């Protein structure tokens, strides 16, 4: 016989959905976030390289869709690029608008607005992370002789942490002076 406590608590029912693809579960969150930026459909964000073309997708990225007061057809698509590529993207604006409208199948976008940002590098398809540029400057790493001179300068200091820091600083200053002397020749 069942106890009275078993009858008073109904068992919670689980929804049996089975396994789901990660893309299917993420789609709801993407739709909510994109909706906050004016994107009624997230296809423009998700398929930007196919819509704009690989060359343009590498230098610009859609940020927002802005509607007028009347919310009629013909919104403004705002794309972001770095300041060096802004003239190129601005020049190709009509082509971008045409391609986005072809993707939608109607005249959803009337004009393109380009915003510039210094934080965007080449390769925007990987997100908004900035790519690091290679630096081909002079080698300023201290030589073994400069490291030895730096250690000699800091020999009288009692604290080991401070002694190491002063030693490194002295070696780096000697290396900087060496590279400056080479560049002045």
Protein backbone atom coordinates (compact mmCIF):
# COMPACT_ATOMS: atom_id res chain seq x y z
CA UNK A 1 0.00 0.00 0.00
CA UNK A 2 1.34 3.46 -0.93
CA UNK A 3 2.10 5.89 1.83
CA UNK A 4 0.13 9.17 2.04
CA UNK A 5 3.22 11.21 1.17
CA UNK A 6 3.64 9.38 -2.14
CA UNK A 7 0.11 10.28 -3.23
CA UNK A 8 0.37 13.97 -2.33
CA UNK A 9 3.46 14.60 -4.48
CA UNK A 10 2.92 14.01 -8.18
CA UNK A 11 6.03 13.07 -10.11
CA UNK A 12 7.30 15.86 -12.36
CA UNK A 13 6.98 15.06 -16.05
CA UNK A 14 10.01 15.47 -18.23
CA UNK A 15 9.77 16.68 -21.75
CA UNK A 16 11.15 13.98 -23.95
CA UNK A 17 12.88 15.75 -26.80
CA UNK A 18 15.81 13.46 -27.30
CA UNK A 19 19.13 14.70 -28.58
CA UNK A 20 19.28 18.10 -30.24
CA UNK A 21 21.94 19.69 -32.38
CA UNK A 22 23.84 22.54 -30.75
CA UNK A 23 22.93 24.82 -33.65
CA UNK A 24 19.23 24.25 -33.04
CA UNK A 25 19.44 25.22 -29.38
CA UNK A 26 21.67 28.22 -30.09
CA UNK A 27 19.33 29.51 -32.80
CA UNK A 28 16.81 30.84 -30.24
CA UNK A 29 19.46 32.85 -28.42
CA UNK A 30 20.89 34.15 -31.69
CA UNK A 31 17.42 35.23 -32.84
CA UNK A 32 16.80 37.14 -29.58
CA UNK A 33 20.17 38.93 -29.73
CA UNK A 34 19.83 39.72 -33.44
CA UNK A 35 16.31 41.05 -32.85
CA UNK A 36 17.69 43.61 -30.41
CA UNK A 37 19.88 44.95 -33.22
CA UNK A 38 17.04 45.19 -35.71
CA UNK A 39 17.67 41.97 -37.61
CA UNK A 40 14.24 40.44 -38.19
CA UNK A 41 15.97 37.44 -39.73
CA UNK A 42 19.39 36.30 -38.63
CA UNK A 43 20.34 35.03 -42.09
CA UNK A 44 22.22 38.22 -42.89
CA UNK A 45 24.41 37.75 -39.82
CA UNK A 46 24.91 34.02 -40.21
CA UNK A 47 25.43 34.01 -43.98
CA UNK A 48 27.28 37.32 -44.37
CA UNK A 49 30.25 35.85 -46.31
CA UNK A 50 27.87 34.25 -48.84
CA UNK A 51 25.76 37.41 -49.16
CA UNK A 52 28.45 40.07 -49.36
CA UNK A 53 31.16 37.89 -50.88
CA UNK A 54 34.30 36.61 -49.23
CA UNK A 55 36.37 39.71 -50.03
CA UNK A 56 33.91 42.16 -48.49
CA UNK A 57 33.06 39.90 -45.55
CA UNK A 58 36.74 39.91 -44.64
CA UNK A 59 36.75 43.70 -44.21
CA UNK A 60 33.24 44.60 -42.99
CA UNK A 61 30.54 43.10 -40.82
CA UNK A 62 26.83 43.91 -40.35
CA UNK A 63 26.10 45.51 -37.00
CA UNK A 64 22.52 46.73 -37.04
CA UNK A 65 19.43 47.29 -39.16
CA UNK A 66 17.82 50.65 -38.51
CA UNK A 67 14.24 51.43 -39.47
CA UNK A 68 12.69 54.84 -40.00
CA UNK A 69 9.86 56.21 -37.86
CA UNK A 70 7.20 54.66 -40.07
CA UNK A 71 8.90 51.22 -40.03
CA UNK A 72 8.21 50.83 -43.73
CA UNK A 73 10.20 48.74 -46.18
CA UNK A 74 13.63 50.01 -46.94
CA UNK A 75 15.67 50.01 -43.75
CA UNK A 76 19.27 51.10 -43.32
CA UNK A 77 21.91 48.40 -42.92
CA UNK A 78 24.78 49.53 -40.73
CA UNK A 79 28.10 47.79 -41.35
CA UNK A 80 31.31 48.25 -39.42
CA UNK A 81 34.81 48.29 -40.83
CA UNK A 82 38.20 49.70 -39.97
CA UNK A 83 38.96 53.24 -41.09
CA UNK A 84 41.37 52.18 -43.83
CA UNK A 85 38.73 50.07 -45.59
CA UNK A 86 35.77 52.45 -45.10
CA UNK A 87 36.08 54.19 -48.52
CA UNK A 88 36.15 50.82 -50.29
CA UNK A 89 33.08 49.56 -48.42
CA UNK A 90 31.29 52.89 -48.99
CA UNK A 91 32.00 52.65 -52.73
CA UNK A 92 30.60 49.12 -52.87
CA UNK A 93 27.51 50.14 -50.86
CA UNK A 94 25.00 49.82 -53.72
CA UNK A 95 26.36 46.36 -54.55
CA UNK A 96 26.02 45.27 -50.89
CA UNK A 97 22.45 46.61 -50.68
CA UNK A 98 21.53 44.82 -53.90
CA UNK A 99 23.00 41.52 -52.70
CA UNK A 100 21.23 41.71 -49.31
CA UNK A 101 17.94 42.47 -51.05
CA UNK A 102 18.48 39.55 -53.42
CA UNK A 103 19.00 37.33 -50.41
CA UNK A 104 15.74 38.49 -48.81
CA UNK A 105 13.83 38.41 -52.08
CA UNK A 106 12.39 41.91 -51.66
CA UNK A 107 13.66 45.43 -51.05
CA UNK A 108 14.32 45.07 -47.33
CA UNK A 109 17.34 47.41 -47.28
CA UNK A 110 17.23 50.86 -48.87
CA UNK A 111 20.66 52.21 -47.97
CA UNK A 112 23.96 51.30 -46.36
CA UNK A 113 25.67 53.22 -43.59
CA UNK A 114 29.35 52.53 -42.88
CA UNK A 115 30.72 53.04 -39.39
CA UNK A 116 34.41 53.03 -38.70
CA UNK A 117 36.23 51.43 -35.83
CA UNK A 118 39.91 51.26 -35.06
CA UNK A 119 39.49 47.96 -33.20
CA UNK A 120 38.64 45.88 -36.25
CA UNK A 121 41.30 44.11 -38.19
CA UNK A 122 41.32 42.01 -41.30
CA UNK A 123 39.47 38.74 -40.96
CA UNK A 124 36.28 39.87 -39.26
CA UNK A 125 34.58 36.58 -39.93
CA UNK A 126 36.15 35.17 -36.80
CA UNK A 127 34.13 37.55 -34.67
CA UNK A 128 35.01 40.97 -33.41
CA UNK A 129 38.43 39.89 -32.19
CA UNK A 130 41.30 41.96 -33.45
CA UNK A 131 44.01 40.24 -35.46
CA UNK A 132 47.57 40.92 -34.41
CA UNK A 133 49.84 42.57 -36.92
CA UNK A 134 53.36 41.26 -37.36
CA UNK A 135 56.04 43.63 -36.13
CA UNK A 136 59.27 43.69 -38.09
CA UNK A 137 61.13 46.17 -35.89
CA UNK A 138 64.66 45.89 -34.58
CA UNK A 139 65.56 43.07 -32.23
CA UNK A 140 65.79 44.66 -28.80
CA UNK A 141 66.38 41.53 -26.78
CA UNK A 142 69.46 41.91 -24.57
CA UNK A 143 72.60 39.97 -25.47
CA UNK A 144 74.38 37.82 -22.90
CA UNK A 145 76.99 40.59 -22.39
CA UNK A 146 74.21 43.13 -21.72
CA UNK A 147 72.55 40.73 -19.29
CA UNK A 148 75.85 40.28 -17.46
CA UNK A 149 76.31 44.06 -17.26
CA UNK A 150 72.78 44.43 -15.89
CA UNK A 151 73.47 41.79 -13.24
CA UNK A 152 76.70 43.57 -12.34
CA UNK A 153 74.82 46.89 -11.89
CA UNK A 154 72.35 45.29 -9.47
CA UNK A 155 74.88 43.18 -7.54
CA UNK A 156 74.75 45.29 -4.36
CA UNK A 157 70.96 45.02 -3.86
CA UNK A 158 69.89 42.71 -0.99
CA UNK A 159 66.30 41.89 -2.08
CA UNK A 160 66.38 39.08 -4.69
CA UNK A 161 63.18 40.22 -6.45
CA UNK A 162 64.33 43.83 -6.69
CA UNK A 163 67.84 42.72 -7.75
CA UNK A 164 66.39 40.63 -10.62
CA UNK A 165 64.10 43.47 -11.73
CA UNK A 166 66.94 46.03 -11.73
CA UNK A 167 69.18 43.57 -13.55
CA UNK A 168 66.58 43.03 -16.30
CA UNK A 169 65.90 46.75 -16.55
CA UNK A 170 69.62 47.52 -16.93
CA UNK A 171 70.04 44.86 -19.62
CA UNK A 172 66.99 46.16 -21.51
CA UNK A 173 68.27 49.75 -21.35
CA UNK A 174 71.65 48.67 -22.70
CA UNK A 175 69.90 46.76 -25.52
CA UNK A 176 67.75 49.80 -26.33
CA UNK A 177 70.82 52.02 -26.49
CA UNK A 178 72.50 49.49 -28.81
CA UNK A 179 69.55 49.46 -31.23
CA UNK A 180 69.31 53.27 -31.16
CA UNK A 181 73.00 53.58 -31.97
CA UNK A 182 72.56 51.20 -34.97
CA UNK A 183 69.57 53.16 -36.29
CA UNK A 184 71.46 56.48 -36.07
CA UNK A 185 74.36 55.18 -38.19
